[in-house]
Amino acid sequence: MDESSLTSRALEGFPMEAVRPLLLGPSAPSLNHLCIAWAYAARGHDTAWLVRHLGLSAELARLLTDAAAARLRD
Protein backbone atom coordinates (compact mmCIF):
# COMPACT_ATOMS: atom_id res chain seq x y z
CA MET A 1 0.00 0.00 0.00
CA ASP A 2 1.29 3.46 -0.77
CA GLU A 3 0.17 7.01 -0.16
CA SER A 4 -1.85 7.10 -3.40
CA SER A 5 -4.27 4.65 -1.71
CA LEU A 6 -5.04 7.18 1.01
CA THR A 7 -8.21 8.82 -0.18
CA SER A 8 -10.39 10.90 2.09
CA ARG A 9 -12.76 7.94 2.32
CA ALA A 10 -9.91 5.62 3.38
CA LEU A 11 -8.95 8.07 6.12
CA GLU A 12 -12.50 8.44 7.40
CA GLY A 13 -12.53 7.88 11.15
CA PHE A 14 -8.76 8.34 11.58
CA PRO A 15 -8.28 9.15 15.29
CA MET A 16 -6.18 12.30 14.82
CA GLU A 17 -6.88 13.79 18.23
CA ALA A 18 -5.87 10.56 19.94
CA VAL A 19 -2.64 10.09 17.96
CA ARG A 20 -1.55 13.75 18.05
CA PRO A 21 0.27 13.46 21.43
CA LEU A 22 2.09 10.36 20.17
CA LEU A 23 3.52 12.30 17.21
CA LEU A 24 5.62 14.56 19.41
CA GLY A 25 8.35 12.20 20.64
CA PRO A 26 11.82 11.96 19.13
CA SER A 27 11.19 8.50 17.67
CA ALA A 28 7.57 9.15 16.71
CA PRO A 29 6.33 7.81 13.38
CA SER A 30 5.44 10.26 10.65
CA LEU A 31 1.83 11.18 10.05
CA ASN A 32 2.05 9.52 6.63
CA HIS A 33 3.22 6.28 8.27
CA LEU A 34 0.27 6.43 10.66
CA CYS A 35 -2.17 7.05 7.84
CA ILE A 36 -0.89 3.95 6.07
CA ALA A 37 -1.14 1.99 9.32
CA TRP A 38 -4.70 3.28 9.72
CA ALA A 39 -5.60 2.00 6.27
CA TYR A 40 -4.33 -1.46 7.23
CA ALA A 41 -6.18 -1.35 10.55
CA ALA A 42 -9.37 -0.28 8.78
CA ARG A 43 -8.99 -3.32 6.50
CA GLY A 44 -8.90 -5.63 9.51
CA HIS A 45 -5.21 -6.05 10.36
CA ASP A 46 -4.77 -6.48 14.10
CA THR A 47 -2.50 -4.81 16.63
CA ALA A 48 0.19 -7.49 16.44
CA TRP A 49 0.32 -7.24 12.65
CA LEU A 50 0.78 -3.46 12.77
CA VAL A 51 3.55 -3.81 15.35
CA ARG A 52 5.34 -6.58 13.46
CA HIS A 53 5.03 -5.26 9.90
CA LEU A 54 4.97 -1.50 10.38
CA GLY A 55 7.13 -1.10 13.46
CA LEU A 56 4.53 0.77 15.51
CA SER A 57 4.48 0.67 19.28
CA ALA A 58 1.86 -1.63 20.75
CA GLU A 59 0.11 1.40 22.29
CA LEU A 60 -0.19 3.21 18.98
CA ALA A 61 -1.17 0.08 17.04
CA ARG A 62 -3.88 -0.71 19.61
CA LEU A 63 -5.20 2.83 19.41
CA LEU A 64 -5.57 2.49 15.63
CA THR A 65 -7.13 -0.98 15.70
CA ASP A 66 -9.58 0.02 18.45
CA ALA A 67 -10.63 3.10 16.46
CA ALA A 68 -11.01 1.00 13.30
CA ALA A 69 -13.19 -1.51 15.15
CA ALA A 70 -15.32 1.30 16.57
CA ARG A 71 -15.75 2.71 13.07
CA LEU A 72 -17.16 -0.62 11.91
CA ARG A 73 -19.62 -0.69 14.80
CA ASP A 74 -20.98 2.78 13.99
PDB file of N, CA and C in Angstrom:
ATOM      1  N   MET A   1       0.854  -1.166   0.000  1.00  0.00           N
ATOM      2  CA  MET A   1       0.000   0.000   0.000  1.00  0.00           C
ATOM      3  C   MET A   1       0.902   1.230   0.000  1.00  0.00           C
ATOM      4  N   ASP A   2       0.518   2.220  -0.759  1.00  0.00           N
ATOM      5  CA  ASP A   2       1.290   3.464  -0.768  1.00  0.00           C
ATOM      6  C   ASP A   2       0.366   4.643  -0.518  1.00  0.00           C
ATOM      7  N   GLU A   3       0.950   5.816  -0.493  1.00  0.00           N
ATOM      8  CA  GLU A   3       0.169   7.011  -0.161  1.00  0.00           C
ATOM      9  C   GLU A   3      -0.936   7.311  -1.164  1.00  0.00           C
ATOM     10  N   SER A   4      -0.815   6.842  -2.399  1.00  0.00           N
ATOM     11  CA  SER A   4      -1.855   7.105  -3.396  1.00  0.00           C
ATOM     12  C   SER A   4      -3.154   6.382  -3.042  1.00  0.00           C
ATOM     13  N   SER A   5      -3.079   5.386  -2.158  1.00  0.00           N
ATOM     14  CA  SER A   5      -4.269   4.653  -1.712  1.00  0.00           C
ATOM     15  C   SER A   5      -5.033   5.396  -0.631  1.00  0.00           C
ATOM     16  N   LEU A   6      -4.468   6.484  -0.131  1.00  0.00           N
ATOM     17  CA  LEU A   6      -5.043   7.176   1.013  1.00  0.00           C
ATOM     18  C   LEU A   6      -6.008   8.274   0.577  1.00  0.00           C
ATOM     19  N   THR A   7      -7.177   7.866   0.200  1.00  0.00           N
ATOM     20  CA  THR A   7      -8.214   8.816  -0.179  1.00  0.00           C
ATOM     21  C   THR A   7      -8.895   9.335   1.080  1.00  0.00           C
ATOM     22  N   SER A   8      -9.676  10.371   0.920  1.00  0.00           N
ATOM     23  CA  SER A   8     -10.387  10.903   2.090  1.00  0.00           C
ATOM     24  C   SER A   8     -11.323   9.848   2.672  1.00  0.00           C
ATOM     25  N   ARG A   9     -11.882   9.009   1.831  1.00  0.00           N
ATOM     26  CA  ARG A   9     -12.756   7.936   2.319  1.00  0.00           C
ATOM     27  C   ARG A   9     -11.966   6.908   3.118  1.00  0.00           C
ATOM     28  N   ALA A  10     -10.755   6.585   2.669  1.00  0.00           N
ATOM     29  CA  ALA A  10      -9.912   5.616   3.378  1.00  0.00           C
ATOM     30  C   ALA A  10      -9.492   6.152   4.742  1.00  0.00           C
ATOM     31  N   LEU A  11      -9.382   7.462   4.860  1.00  0.00           N
ATOM     32  CA  LEU A  11      -8.948   8.068   6.121  1.00  0.00           C
ATOM     33  C   LEU A  11     -10.113   8.431   7.042  1.00  0.00           C
ATOM     34  N   GLU A  12     -11.316   8.154   6.602  1.00  0.00           N
ATOM     35  CA  GLU A  12     -12.501   8.438   7.401  1.00  0.00           C
ATOM     36  C   GLU A  12     -12.400   7.720   8.748  1.00  0.00           C
ATOM     37  N   GLY A  13     -12.580   8.463   9.815  1.00  0.00           N
ATOM     38  CA  GLY A  13     -12.533   7.884  11.146  1.00  0.00           C
ATOM     39  C   GLY A  13     -11.146   7.845  11.763  1.00  0.00           C
ATOM     40  N   PHE A  14     -10.133   8.329  11.042  1.00  0.00           N
ATOM     41  CA  PHE A  14      -8.764   8.337  11.577  1.00  0.00           C
ATOM     42  C   PHE A  14      -8.752   9.111  12.893  1.00  0.00           C
ATOM     43  N   PRO A  15      -8.220   8.529  13.958  1.00  0.00           N
ATOM     44  CA  PRO A  15      -8.285   9.152  15.287  1.00  0.00           C
ATOM     45  C   PRO A  15      -7.188  10.206  15.512  1.00  0.00           C
ATOM     46  N   MET A  16      -7.235  11.289  14.774  1.00  0.00           N
ATOM     47  CA  MET A  16      -6.184  12.298  14.820  1.00  0.00           C
ATOM     48  C   MET A  16      -5.967  12.870  16.206  1.00  0.00           C
ATOM     49  N   GLU A  17      -7.028  13.204  16.898  1.00  0.00           N
ATOM     50  CA  GLU A  17      -6.878  13.792  18.231  1.00  0.00           C
ATOM     51  C   GLU A  17      -6.195  12.824  19.191  1.00  0.00           C
ATOM     52  N   ALA A  18      -6.476  11.554  19.059  1.00  0.00           N
ATOM     53  CA  ALA A  18      -5.874  10.557  19.945  1.00  0.00           C
ATOM     54  C   ALA A  18      -4.405  10.309  19.607  1.00  0.00           C
ATOM     55  N   VAL A  19      -4.035  10.367  18.335  1.00  0.00           N
ATOM     56  CA  VAL A  19      -2.640  10.090  17.964  1.00  0.00           C
ATOM     57  C   VAL A  19      -1.752  11.329  18.050  1.00  0.00           C
ATOM     58  N   ARG A  20      -2.342  12.502  18.041  1.00  0.00           N
ATOM     59  CA  ARG A  20      -1.549  13.747  18.052  1.00  0.00           C
ATOM     60  C   ARG A  20      -0.465  13.767  19.139  1.00  0.00           C
ATOM     61  N   PRO A  21      -0.781  13.432  20.404  1.00  0.00           N
ATOM     62  CA  PRO A  21       0.267  13.461  21.431  1.00  0.00           C
ATOM     63  C   PRO A  21       1.397  12.460  21.168  1.00  0.00           C
ATOM     64  N   LEU A  22       1.089  11.394  20.446  1.00  0.00           N
ATOM     65  CA  LEU A  22       2.088  10.363  20.173  1.00  0.00           C
ATOM     66  C   LEU A  22       2.994  10.723  18.994  1.00  0.00           C
ATOM     67  N   LEU A  23       2.704  11.839  18.346  1.00  0.00           N
ATOM     68  CA  LEU A  23       3.521  12.295  17.215  1.00  0.00           C
ATOM     69  C   LEU A  23       4.632  13.237  17.649  1.00  0.00           C
ATOM     70  N   LEU A  24       4.705  13.531  18.929  1.00  0.00           N
ATOM     71  CA  LEU A  24       5.616  14.556  19.411  1.00  0.00           C
ATOM     72  C   LEU A  24       6.974  14.037  19.877  1.00  0.00           C
ATOM     73  N   GLY A  25       7.097  12.754  20.121  1.00  0.00           N
ATOM     74  CA  GLY A  25       8.346  12.202  20.641  1.00  0.00           C
ATOM     75  C   GLY A  25       9.447  12.144  19.598  1.00  0.00           C
ATOM     76  N   PRO A  26      10.682  11.980  20.049  1.00  0.00           N
ATOM     77  CA  PRO A  26      11.822  11.956  19.130  1.00  0.00           C
ATOM     78  C   PRO A  26      11.814  10.766  18.163  1.00  0.00           C
ATOM     79  N   SER A  27      11.237   9.658  18.569  1.00  0.00           N
ATOM     80  CA  SER A  27      11.191   8.500  17.675  1.00  0.00           C
ATOM     81  C   SER A  27       9.772   8.236  17.169  1.00  0.00           C
ATOM     82  N   ALA A  28       8.967   9.276  17.142  1.00  0.00           N
ATOM     83  CA  ALA A  28       7.573   9.154  16.708  1.00  0.00           C
ATOM     84  C   ALA A  28       7.497   8.860  15.214  1.00  0.00           C
ATOM     85  N   PRO A  29       6.524   8.064  14.816  1.00  0.00           N
ATOM     86  CA  PRO A  29       6.331   7.812  13.383  1.00  0.00           C
ATOM     87  C   PRO A  29       5.798   9.061  12.695  1.00  0.00           C
ATOM     88  N   SER A  30       5.976   9.132  11.412  1.00  0.00           N
ATOM     89  CA  SER A  30       5.437  10.262  10.651  1.00  0.00           C
ATOM     90  C   SER A  30       3.918  10.124  10.531  1.00  0.00           C
ATOM     91  N   LEU A  31       3.273  11.208  10.262  1.00  0.00           N
ATOM     92  CA  LEU A  31       1.826  11.177  10.051  1.00  0.00           C
ATOM     93  C   LEU A  31       1.494  10.306   8.845  1.00  0.00           C
ATOM     94  N   ASN A  32       2.297  10.365   7.799  1.00  0.00           N
ATOM     95  CA  ASN A  32       2.052   9.515   6.627  1.00  0.00           C
ATOM     96  C   ASN A  32       2.117   8.038   6.998  1.00  0.00           C
ATOM     97  N   HIS A  33       3.090   7.673   7.824  1.00  0.00           N
ATOM     98  CA  HIS A  33       3.220   6.282   8.274  1.00  0.00           C
ATOM     99  C   HIS A  33       1.980   5.857   9.049  1.00  0.00           C
ATOM    100  N   LEU A  34       1.471   6.747   9.888  1.00  0.00           N
ATOM    101  CA  LEU A  34       0.267   6.435  10.663  1.00  0.00           C
ATOM    102  C   LEU A  34      -0.966   6.316   9.782  1.00  0.00           C
ATOM    103  N   CYS A  35      -1.032   7.138   8.760  1.00  0.00           N
ATOM    104  CA  CYS A  35      -2.173   7.046   7.843  1.00  0.00           C
ATOM    105  C   CYS A  35      -2.167   5.716   7.105  1.00  0.00           C
ATOM    106  N   ILE A  36      -0.998   5.260   6.712  1.00  0.00           N
ATOM    107  CA  ILE A  36      -0.893   3.947   6.068  1.00  0.00           C
ATOM    108  C   ILE A  36      -1.267   2.858   7.065  1.00  0.00           C
ATOM    109  N   ALA A  37      -0.783   2.966   8.286  1.00  0.00           N
ATOM    110  CA  ALA A  37      -1.142   1.993   9.322  1.00  0.00           C
ATOM    111  C   ALA A  37      -2.651   1.992   9.557  1.00  0.00           C
ATOM    112  N   TRP A  38      -3.249   3.173   9.554  1.00  0.00           N
ATOM    113  CA  TRP A  38      -4.699   3.283   9.719  1.00  0.00           C
ATOM    114  C   TRP A  38      -5.427   2.531   8.604  1.00  0.00           C
ATOM    115  N   ALA A  39      -4.962   2.687   7.389  1.00  0.00           N
ATOM    116  CA  ALA A  39      -5.604   1.998   6.265  1.00  0.00           C
ATOM    117  C   ALA A  39      -5.549   0.485   6.464  1.00  0.00           C
ATOM    118  N   TYR A  40      -4.422  -0.031   6.941  1.00  0.00           N
ATOM    119  CA  TYR A  40      -4.329  -1.464   7.228  1.00  0.00           C
ATOM    120  C   TYR A  40      -5.259  -1.852   8.372  1.00  0.00           C
ATOM    121  N   ALA A  41      -5.296  -1.052   9.424  1.00  0.00           N
ATOM    122  CA  ALA A  41      -6.176  -1.348  10.553  1.00  0.00           C
ATOM    123  C   ALA A  41      -7.634  -1.341  10.107  1.00  0.00           C
ATOM    124  N   ALA A  42      -7.992  -0.384   9.276  1.00  0.00           N
ATOM    125  CA  ALA A  42      -9.367  -0.282   8.784  1.00  0.00           C
ATOM    126  C   ALA A  42      -9.745  -1.469   7.900  1.00  0.00           C
ATOM    127  N   ARG A  43      -8.743  -2.127   7.325  1.00  0.00           N
ATOM    128  CA  ARG A  43      -8.987  -3.323   6.502  1.00  0.00           C
ATOM    129  C   ARG A  43      -8.943  -4.603   7.322  1.00  0.00           C
ATOM    130  N   GLY A  44      -8.791  -4.464   8.642  1.00  0.00           N
ATOM    131  CA  GLY A  44      -8.898  -5.626   9.513  1.00  0.00           C
ATOM    132  C   GLY A  44      -7.597  -6.182  10.072  1.00  0.00           C
ATOM    133  N   HIS A  45      -6.463  -5.568   9.773  1.00  0.00           N
ATOM    134  CA  HIS A  45      -5.214  -6.051  10.358  1.00  0.00           C
ATOM    135  C   HIS A  45      -5.214  -5.727  11.845  1.00  0.00           C
ATOM    136  N   ASP A  46      -4.711  -6.658  12.647  1.00  0.00           N
ATOM    137  CA  ASP A  46      -4.767  -6.481  14.099  1.00  0.00           C
ATOM    138  C   ASP A  46      -3.532  -5.768  14.649  1.00  0.00           C
ATOM    139  N   THR A  47      -3.571  -5.532  15.953  1.00  0.00           N
ATOM    140  CA  THR A  47      -2.498  -4.806  16.633  1.00  0.00           C
ATOM    141  C   THR A  47      -1.144  -5.475  16.410  1.00  0.00           C
ATOM    142  N   ALA A  48      -1.084  -6.777  16.601  1.00  0.00           N
ATOM    143  CA  ALA A  48       0.190  -7.494  16.445  1.00  0.00           C
ATOM    144  C   ALA A  48       0.738  -7.347  15.033  1.00  0.00           C
ATOM    145  N   TRP A  49      -0.127  -7.379  14.038  1.00  0.00           N
ATOM    146  CA  TRP A  49       0.316  -7.236  12.654  1.00  0.00           C
ATOM    147  C   TRP A  49       0.926  -5.853  12.438  1.00  0.00           C
ATOM    148  N   LEU A  50       0.264  -4.816  12.941  1.00  0.00           N
ATOM    149  CA  LEU A  50       0.781  -3.456  12.772  1.00  0.00           C
ATOM    150  C   LEU A  50       2.127  -3.287  13.469  1.00  0.00           C
ATOM    151  N   VAL A  51       2.277  -3.882  14.635  1.00  0.00           N
ATOM    152  CA  VAL A  51       3.554  -3.807  15.351  1.00  0.00           C
ATOM    153  C   VAL A  51       4.636  -4.530  14.564  1.00  0.00           C
ATOM    154  N   ARG A  52       4.351  -5.739  14.141  1.00  0.00           N
ATOM    155  CA  ARG A  52       5.340  -6.579  13.460  1.00  0.00           C
ATOM    156  C   ARG A  52       5.719  -6.042  12.088  1.00  0.00           C
ATOM    157  N   HIS A  53       4.752  -5.632  11.297  1.00  0.00           N
ATOM    158  CA  HIS A  53       5.027  -5.257   9.904  1.00  0.00           C
ATOM    159  C   HIS A  53       5.311  -3.775   9.695  1.00  0.00           C
ATOM    160  N   LEU A  54       4.798  -2.936  10.587  1.00  0.00           N
ATOM    161  CA  LEU A  54       4.971  -1.500  10.378  1.00  0.00           C
ATOM    162  C   LEU A  54       5.824  -0.840  11.449  1.00  0.00           C
ATOM    163  N   GLY A  55       6.233  -1.620  12.447  1.00  0.00           N
ATOM    164  CA  GLY A  55       7.129  -1.099  13.463  1.00  0.00           C
ATOM    165  C   GLY A  55       6.506  -0.098  14.420  1.00  0.00           C
ATOM    166  N   LEU A  56       5.198  -0.133  14.569  1.00  0.00           N
ATOM    167  CA  LEU A  56       4.527   0.766  15.510  1.00  0.00           C
ATOM    168  C   LEU A  56       4.657   0.232  16.923  1.00  0.00           C
ATOM    169  N   SER A  57       4.548   1.117  17.888  1.00  0.00           N
ATOM    170  CA  SER A  57       4.481   0.670  19.278  1.00  0.00           C
ATOM    171  C   SER A  57       3.145  -0.045  19.473  1.00  0.00           C
ATOM    172  N   ALA A  58       3.106  -0.917  20.463  1.00  0.00           N
ATOM    173  CA  ALA A  58       1.857  -1.629  20.747  1.00  0.00           C
ATOM    174  C   ALA A  58       0.753  -0.650  21.125  1.00  0.00           C
ATOM    175  N   GLU A  59       1.099   0.402  21.880  1.00  0.00           N
ATOM    176  CA  GLU A  59       0.109   1.404  22.290  1.00  0.00           C
ATOM    177  C   GLU A  59      -0.525   2.089  21.076  1.00  0.00           C
ATOM    178  N   LEU A  60       0.302   2.504  20.163  1.00  0.00           N
ATOM    179  CA  LEU A  60      -0.193   3.206  18.984  1.00  0.00           C
ATOM    180  C   LEU A  60      -0.978   2.267  18.074  1.00  0.00           C
ATOM    181  N   ALA A  61      -0.470   1.059  17.881  1.00  0.00           N
ATOM    182  CA  ALA A  61      -1.173   0.082  17.041  1.00  0.00           C
ATOM    183  C   ALA A  61      -2.539  -0.248  17.636  1.00  0.00           C
ATOM    184  N   ARG A  62      -2.600  -0.406  18.952  1.00  0.00           N
ATOM    185  CA  ARG A  62      -3.875  -0.710  19.614  1.00  0.00           C
ATOM    186  C   ARG A  62      -4.853   0.447  19.464  1.00  0.00           C
ATOM    187  N   LEU A  63      -4.354   1.656  19.577  1.00  0.00           N
ATOM    188  CA  LEU A  63      -5.204   2.831  19.407  1.00  0.00           C
ATOM    189  C   LEU A  63      -5.844   2.815  18.013  1.00  0.00           C
ATOM    190  N   LEU A  64      -5.056   2.514  17.000  1.00  0.00           N
ATOM    191  CA  LEU A  64      -5.572   2.489  15.629  1.00  0.00           C
ATOM    192  C   LEU A  64      -6.555   1.346  15.417  1.00  0.00           C
ATOM    193  N   THR A  65      -6.224   0.153  15.918  1.00  0.00           N
ATOM    194  CA  THR A  65      -7.132  -0.977  15.702  1.00  0.00           C
ATOM    195  C   THR A  65      -8.429  -0.811  16.489  1.00  0.00           C
ATOM    196  N   ASP A  66      -8.351  -0.240  17.683  1.00  0.00           N
ATOM    197  CA  ASP A  66      -9.577   0.017  18.452  1.00  0.00           C
ATOM    198  C   ASP A  66     -10.468   1.036  17.733  1.00  0.00           C
ATOM    199  N   ALA A  67      -9.858   2.082  17.193  1.00  0.00           N
ATOM    200  CA  ALA A  67     -10.628   3.096  16.462  1.00  0.00           C
ATOM    201  C   ALA A  67     -11.229   2.504  15.190  1.00  0.00           C
ATOM    202  N   ALA A  68     -10.486   1.637  14.525  1.00  0.00           N
ATOM    203  CA  ALA A  68     -11.011   1.002  13.305  1.00  0.00           C
ATOM    204  C   ALA A  68     -12.195   0.092  13.641  1.00  0.00           C
ATOM    205  N   ALA A  69     -12.078  -0.635  14.727  1.00  0.00           N
ATOM    206  CA  ALA A  69     -13.191  -1.512  15.148  1.00  0.00           C
ATOM    207  C   ALA A  69     -14.418  -0.680  15.525  1.00  0.00           C
ATOM    208  N   ALA A  70     -14.195   0.432  16.201  1.00  0.00           N
ATOM    209  CA  ALA A  70     -15.316   1.300  16.573  1.00  0.00           C
ATOM    210  C   ALA A  70     -15.986   1.874  15.335  1.00  0.00           C
ATOM    211  N   ARG A  71     -15.198   2.182  14.327  1.00  0.00           N
ATOM    212  CA  ARG A  71     -15.749   2.708  13.068  1.00  0.00           C
ATOM    213  C   ARG A  71     -16.678   1.699  12.422  1.00  0.00           C
ATOM    214  N   LEU A  72     -16.319   0.430  12.488  1.00  0.00           N
ATOM    215  CA  LEU A  72     -17.156  -0.620  11.907  1.00  0.00           C
ATOM    216  C   LEU A  72     -18.464  -0.787  12.668  1.00  0.00           C
ATOM    217  N   ARG A  73     -18.410  -0.543  13.986  1.00  0.00           N
ATOM    218  CA  ARG A  73     -19.625  -0.690  14.798  1.00  0.00           C
ATOM    219  C   ARG A  73     -20.611   0.450  14.566  1.00  0.00           C
ATOM    220  N   ASP A  74     -20.109   1.608  14.160  1.00  0.00           N
ATOM    221  CA  ASP A  74     -20.980   2.782  13.985  1.00  0.00           C
ATOM    222  C   ASP A  74     -21.824   2.707  12.751  1.00  0.00           C
TER     223      ASP A  74
END
